[in-house]
Amino acid sequence: MKNKNCIFILLVCFLSFTTKGYSNDLVQKAEKAYDSKNYKEAITNYENLVRDGYKSYQLYFNLGNAYYRNDELGKAIYYYELARKVNPNDEDVRINLGIASSKTIDKIDSKENFFISAVKTNLLSSFTTNTWAWLTIASLLLACLLFFVFINSTSIPVKRISFLMSCILLIAFFATYFLGYSALNAKVENKFAIITVKEVKIMNEPTATAKSKFNLHEGTKIRVVENNGTWLLIKLDNGNEGWLKVGDVGII
C-alpha cells in the first residue's frame, strides 16, 4: 500500500509527457488508402506506425475505424479502447466504441450493480491519471493561497469568503487525490483485454489439451487475472473464469 501511495505522489510531483512525431509518408499513404476504401492497406500502414513505436489517440482511433470498415470488429474495439485510454473525454471515440460494442455477440451480465459500476467506471475514466494529478496540485495550491489571504486580510467579508473557499478546495484536494489514486490503482492492477479473433475457446487449464469451458467471440471485453507469457487467466463480469492464448486478445 505504501508503495502504491508513493507511486501516485511521485506522479503528482513529477508529471511528464512524451510525444512522438509521425512518419508523414506512412500517414499520407494510410489516409489515402482509407479515403479510397482500401482498408487493408490503410491498416497495414497504421500498424507499421504502431510497430515503430508511435502512440497517440488519433492513430489508435484511425486504426479502429479502418478495422471497423474492414469488418474486423474485435480489433476495431481494441484500438477504440486504446484511443479512449489516451483521451478518455473524446466524444467521437465514445460514440464509435459504443456502436462497435453494440454489435458484439456475447452479452455478459455483471454481478456488480450496473448503476454503481457505470458511475464508478465513468468517474474514474473521465480524466487521465495525469489530469487527476494536476487537479490535485491545483486544488491544494489554491487552498493554501486562499488560506494565506484569510490570515493576512483585515476585511471581515474577505476573511469569511477566503476561509470558506479554502475549506472547499481542501475537500476538493482530498477528493481528487482519492479519485486519482483509485484511477491509478485501477490502471496498474486491473488489466483488461479484448477478444480479437472471431471465436475462442476458454479452457479450464493453460494447455491446448485441456477441456473447454465456454466460448467467447470477437470484441468481448475481459479482465486479465494472470499472464504466464503464453496463456491468460481471464475473468468475466459474471464471475466465470478460464484460460485462453495471449495471441487471441489485445491487452489494453
Protein backbone atom coordinates (compact mmCIF):
# COMPACT_ATOMS: atom_id res chain seq x y z
CA MET A 1 0.00 0.00 0.00
CA LYS A 2 2.82 2.37 0.87
CA ASN A 3 4.47 1.67 -2.49
CA LYS A 4 1.25 2.50 -4.32
CA ASN A 5 0.90 5.73 -2.40
CA CYS A 6 4.48 6.64 -3.30
CA ILE A 7 3.80 5.93 -6.95
CA PHE A 8 0.85 8.31 -7.01
CA ILE A 9 2.69 11.00 -5.04
CA LEU A 10 5.56 10.79 -7.50
CA LEU A 11 3.05 11.04 -10.32
CA VAL A 12 1.62 14.17 -8.75
CA CYS A 13 5.02 15.76 -8.25
CA PHE A 14 6.79 14.70 -11.42
CA LEU A 15 4.49 14.71 -14.43
CA SER A 16 6.00 14.11 -17.81
CA PHE A 17 4.56 13.90 -21.27
CA THR A 18 6.19 12.08 -24.16
CA THR A 19 5.18 12.79 -27.73
CA LYS A 20 6.47 11.40 -30.97
CA GLY A 21 6.13 12.75 -34.46
CA TYR A 22 4.57 10.67 -37.15
CA SER A 23 6.16 9.40 -40.31
CA ASN A 24 4.39 11.70 -42.78
CA ASP A 25 4.84 9.23 -45.62
CA LEU A 26 3.04 6.39 -43.82
CA VAL A 27 0.30 8.70 -42.57
CA GLN A 28 -0.37 10.04 -46.05
CA LYS A 29 -0.41 6.52 -47.51
CA ALA A 30 -2.79 5.33 -44.79
CA GLU A 31 -5.14 8.29 -45.19
CA LYS A 32 -5.15 7.97 -48.96
CA ALA A 33 -5.88 4.24 -48.75
CA TYR A 34 -8.69 4.85 -46.24
CA ASP A 35 -10.28 7.55 -48.42
CA SER A 36 -10.08 5.12 -51.36
CA LYS A 37 -11.82 2.47 -49.21
CA ASN A 38 -8.71 0.29 -49.39
CA TYR A 39 -8.96 -0.50 -45.70
CA LYS A 40 -6.46 -3.37 -45.68
CA GLU A 41 -3.71 -1.11 -47.00
CA ALA A 42 -4.69 1.61 -44.52
CA ILE A 43 -4.48 -0.94 -41.70
CA THR A 44 -1.04 -2.08 -42.86
CA ASN A 45 0.32 1.48 -42.81
CA TYR A 46 -1.24 2.38 -39.49
CA GLU A 47 0.02 -0.87 -37.96
CA ASN A 48 3.52 -0.07 -39.22
CA LEU A 49 3.34 3.20 -37.29
CA VAL A 50 2.29 1.31 -34.16
CA ARG A 51 5.15 -1.17 -34.60
CA ASP A 52 7.56 1.75 -34.99
CA GLY A 53 6.54 2.90 -31.52
CA TYR A 54 4.18 5.76 -32.34
CA LYS A 55 1.38 6.23 -29.84
CA SER A 56 -1.48 8.71 -29.99
CA TYR A 57 -5.23 8.91 -29.63
CA GLN A 58 -5.63 9.85 -33.31
CA LEU A 59 -3.52 6.93 -34.55
CA TYR A 60 -5.48 4.40 -32.47
CA PHE A 61 -8.79 6.00 -33.45
CA ASN A 62 -7.97 5.91 -37.18
CA LEU A 63 -6.80 2.32 -36.92
CA GLY A 64 -10.00 1.38 -35.10
CA ASN A 65 -12.05 3.00 -37.87
CA ALA A 66 -10.09 1.12 -40.54
CA TYR A 67 -10.61 -2.22 -38.78
CA TYR A 68 -14.31 -1.47 -38.30
CA ARG A 69 -14.72 -0.70 -42.01
CA ASN A 70 -12.85 -3.93 -42.79
CA ASP A 71 -15.35 -5.92 -40.67
CA GLU A 72 -12.79 -6.83 -38.00
CA LEU A 73 -14.90 -5.93 -35.01
CA GLY A 74 -12.60 -7.25 -32.28
CA LYS A 75 -9.56 -5.29 -33.42
CA ALA A 76 -11.69 -2.19 -34.01
CA ILE A 77 -12.92 -2.27 -30.42
CA TYR A 78 -9.38 -2.95 -29.17
CA TYR A 79 -8.00 0.19 -30.83
CA TYR A 80 -11.01 2.28 -29.81
CA GLU A 81 -10.30 1.21 -26.23
CA LEU A 82 -6.65 2.25 -26.62
CA ALA A 83 -7.78 5.61 -28.02
CA ARG A 84 -10.13 6.09 -25.07
CA LYS A 85 -7.31 5.21 -22.68
CA VAL A 86 -5.19 8.03 -24.17
CA ASN A 87 -8.07 10.52 -24.48
CA PRO A 88 -10.98 9.42 -22.26
CA ASN A 89 -13.10 12.52 -22.91
CA ASP A 90 -13.23 12.36 -26.70
CA GLU A 91 -16.83 12.19 -27.91
CA ASP A 92 -16.01 10.55 -31.27
CA VAL A 93 -14.22 7.67 -29.55
CA ARG A 94 -17.10 7.20 -27.12
CA ILE A 95 -19.67 7.11 -29.93
CA ASN A 96 -17.70 4.76 -32.21
CA LEU A 97 -16.83 2.44 -29.33
CA GLY A 98 -20.48 2.32 -28.33
CA ILE A 99 -21.58 1.48 -31.88
CA ALA A 100 -18.93 -1.24 -32.26
CA SER A 101 -19.61 -2.74 -28.82
CA SER A 102 -23.34 -2.97 -29.56
CA LYS A 103 -22.53 -5.42 -32.37
CA THR A 104 -20.69 -7.95 -30.21
CA ILE A 105 -22.25 -11.39 -29.76
CA ASP A 106 -21.51 -12.03 -26.09
CA LYS A 107 -23.81 -10.22 -23.65
CA ILE A 108 -22.44 -10.77 -20.16
CA ASP A 109 -24.37 -9.75 -17.07
CA SER A 110 -22.35 -8.21 -14.26
CA LYS A 111 -22.54 -9.36 -10.64
CA GLU A 112 -21.95 -5.78 -9.54
CA ASN A 113 -24.89 -3.36 -9.55
CA PHE A 114 -24.99 -1.89 -13.04
CA PHE A 115 -25.67 1.71 -11.94
CA ILE A 116 -22.88 1.71 -9.35
CA SER A 117 -20.47 0.04 -11.76
CA ALA A 118 -21.26 2.52 -14.55
CA VAL A 119 -20.89 5.57 -12.30
CA LYS A 120 -17.61 4.28 -10.87
CA THR A 121 -16.16 3.46 -14.29
CA ASN A 122 -17.25 6.74 -15.89
CA LEU A 123 -15.99 8.81 -12.96
CA LEU A 124 -12.53 7.25 -12.84
CA SER A 125 -12.12 7.27 -16.61
CA SER A 126 -13.39 10.83 -17.04
CA PHE A 127 -9.80 12.07 -16.74
CA THR A 128 -6.37 10.58 -17.27
CA THR A 129 -4.18 9.97 -14.20
CA ASN A 130 -2.06 12.96 -15.27
CA THR A 131 -5.15 15.20 -15.24
CA TRP A 132 -6.21 13.91 -11.82
CA ALA A 133 -2.70 14.73 -10.61
CA TRP A 134 -2.86 18.29 -11.93
CA LEU A 135 -6.29 18.79 -10.35
CA THR A 136 -4.87 17.58 -7.03
CA ILE A 137 -1.95 20.01 -7.24
CA ALA A 138 -4.14 22.93 -8.32
CA SER A 139 -6.72 22.43 -5.56
CA LEU A 140 -4.01 22.23 -2.88
CA LEU A 141 -2.17 25.33 -4.13
CA LEU A 142 -5.38 27.36 -4.35
CA ALA A 143 -6.43 26.21 -0.88
CA CYS A 144 -3.07 27.35 0.52
CA LEU A 145 -3.31 30.67 -1.33
CA LEU A 146 -6.80 31.41 -0.03
CA PHE A 147 -5.81 30.41 3.50
CA PHE A 148 -2.91 32.86 3.22
CA VAL A 149 -5.42 35.55 2.20
CA PHE A 150 -7.61 34.62 5.19
CA ILE A 151 -4.71 35.02 7.64
CA ASN A 152 -3.45 38.32 6.25
CA SER A 153 -6.64 40.10 5.25
CA THR A 154 -8.15 42.77 7.53
CA SER A 155 -11.54 42.68 5.83
CA ILE A 156 -14.12 40.50 7.59
CA PRO A 157 -16.06 39.61 4.37
CA VAL A 158 -12.80 38.71 2.58
CA LYS A 159 -11.69 36.59 5.55
CA ARG A 160 -15.02 34.71 5.57
CA ILE A 161 -15.06 34.08 1.84
CA SER A 162 -11.38 33.07 1.65
CA PHE A 163 -11.75 30.72 4.62
CA LEU A 164 -14.85 29.08 3.15
CA MET A 165 -13.25 28.69 -0.28
CA SER A 166 -10.01 27.30 1.20
CA CYS A 167 -12.04 24.67 3.08
CA ILE A 168 -13.92 23.72 -0.10
CA LEU A 169 -10.67 23.46 -2.04
CA LEU A 170 -9.10 21.39 0.71
CA ILE A 171 -12.00 18.96 0.43
CA ALA A 172 -11.53 19.02 -3.34
CA PHE A 173 -7.84 18.19 -2.81
CA PHE A 174 -8.66 15.05 -0.81
CA ALA A 175 -11.39 14.07 -3.29
CA THR A 176 -9.19 14.45 -6.38
CA TYR A 177 -6.31 12.67 -4.64
CA PHE A 178 -8.58 9.75 -3.76
CA LEU A 179 -10.06 9.58 -7.27
CA GLY A 180 -6.63 9.93 -8.86
CA TYR A 181 -5.20 7.22 -6.67
CA SER A 182 -8.15 4.96 -7.46
CA ALA A 183 -7.73 5.60 -11.19
CA LEU A 184 -4.02 4.82 -10.96
CA ASN A 185 -4.70 1.71 -8.91
CA ALA A 186 -7.26 0.53 -11.46
CA LYS A 187 -4.80 1.24 -14.27
CA VAL A 188 -2.00 -0.73 -12.58
CA GLU A 189 -3.94 -3.64 -11.11
CA ASN A 190 -6.93 -4.05 -13.40
CA LYS A 191 -5.73 -5.21 -16.78
CA PHE A 192 -8.31 -5.69 -19.47
CA ALA A 193 -8.21 -7.27 -22.90
CA ILE A 194 -10.39 -7.51 -26.00
CA ILE A 195 -11.01 -10.75 -27.90
CA THR A 196 -9.61 -10.04 -31.39
CA VAL A 197 -10.39 -13.36 -33.12
CA LYS A 198 -13.80 -14.47 -34.38
CA GLU A 199 -14.26 -17.10 -31.68
CA VAL A 200 -12.07 -18.55 -28.96
CA LYS A 201 -12.46 -21.49 -26.59
CA ILE A 202 -11.92 -20.77 -22.91
CA MET A 203 -10.08 -23.69 -21.31
CA ASN A 204 -10.10 -24.90 -17.71
CA GLU A 205 -6.28 -25.20 -17.73
CA PRO A 206 -3.47 -23.41 -19.63
CA THR A 207 -2.83 -26.27 -22.07
CA ALA A 208 -4.05 -26.98 -25.59
CA THR A 209 -5.36 -30.40 -24.50
CA ALA A 210 -7.43 -29.02 -21.62
CA LYS A 211 -11.22 -29.21 -21.52
CA SER A 212 -13.15 -26.29 -22.98
CA LYS A 213 -15.44 -24.46 -20.52
CA PHE A 214 -17.20 -21.99 -22.83
CA ASN A 215 -16.65 -19.89 -25.95
CA LEU A 216 -16.22 -16.15 -26.40
CA HIS A 217 -16.43 -14.05 -29.56
CA GLU A 218 -14.61 -11.06 -31.00
CA GLY A 219 -15.00 -7.72 -29.29
CA THR A 220 -15.77 -9.12 -25.83
CA LYS A 221 -14.00 -7.24 -23.04
CA ILE A 222 -12.43 -9.41 -20.36
CA ARG A 223 -10.43 -8.88 -17.18
CA VAL A 224 -6.90 -10.34 -17.11
CA VAL A 225 -6.16 -12.10 -13.81
CA GLU A 226 -2.85 -13.77 -14.68
CA ASN A 227 -0.42 -13.79 -17.60
CA ASN A 228 2.17 -16.57 -17.83
CA GLY A 229 3.53 -15.37 -21.18
CA THR A 230 1.61 -17.82 -23.37
CA TRP A 231 -1.74 -18.13 -21.64
CA LEU A 232 -4.02 -15.67 -19.87
CA LEU A 233 -6.27 -16.45 -16.95
CA ILE A 234 -9.32 -14.28 -17.58
CA LYS A 235 -12.43 -13.40 -15.61
CA LEU A 236 -15.78 -12.16 -16.85
CA ASP A 237 -18.12 -9.73 -15.12
CA ASN A 238 -20.43 -12.63 -14.27
CA GLY A 239 -17.62 -14.37 -12.36
CA ASN A 240 -16.73 -17.06 -14.93
CA GLU A 241 -13.00 -17.75 -15.31
CA GLY A 242 -10.81 -19.68 -17.73
CA TRP A 243 -7.65 -19.69 -19.81
CA LEU A 244 -7.01 -18.55 -23.38
CA LYS A 245 -3.92 -17.90 -25.51
CA VAL A 246 -2.30 -14.47 -25.40
CA GLY A 247 -2.40 -14.19 -29.19
CA ASP A 248 -6.19 -14.31 -29.23
CA VAL A 249 -6.59 -10.97 -27.46
CA GLY A 250 -5.35 -7.40 -27.44
CA ILE A 251 -4.35 -6.29 -23.95
CA ILE A 252 -5.41 -2.74 -23.15
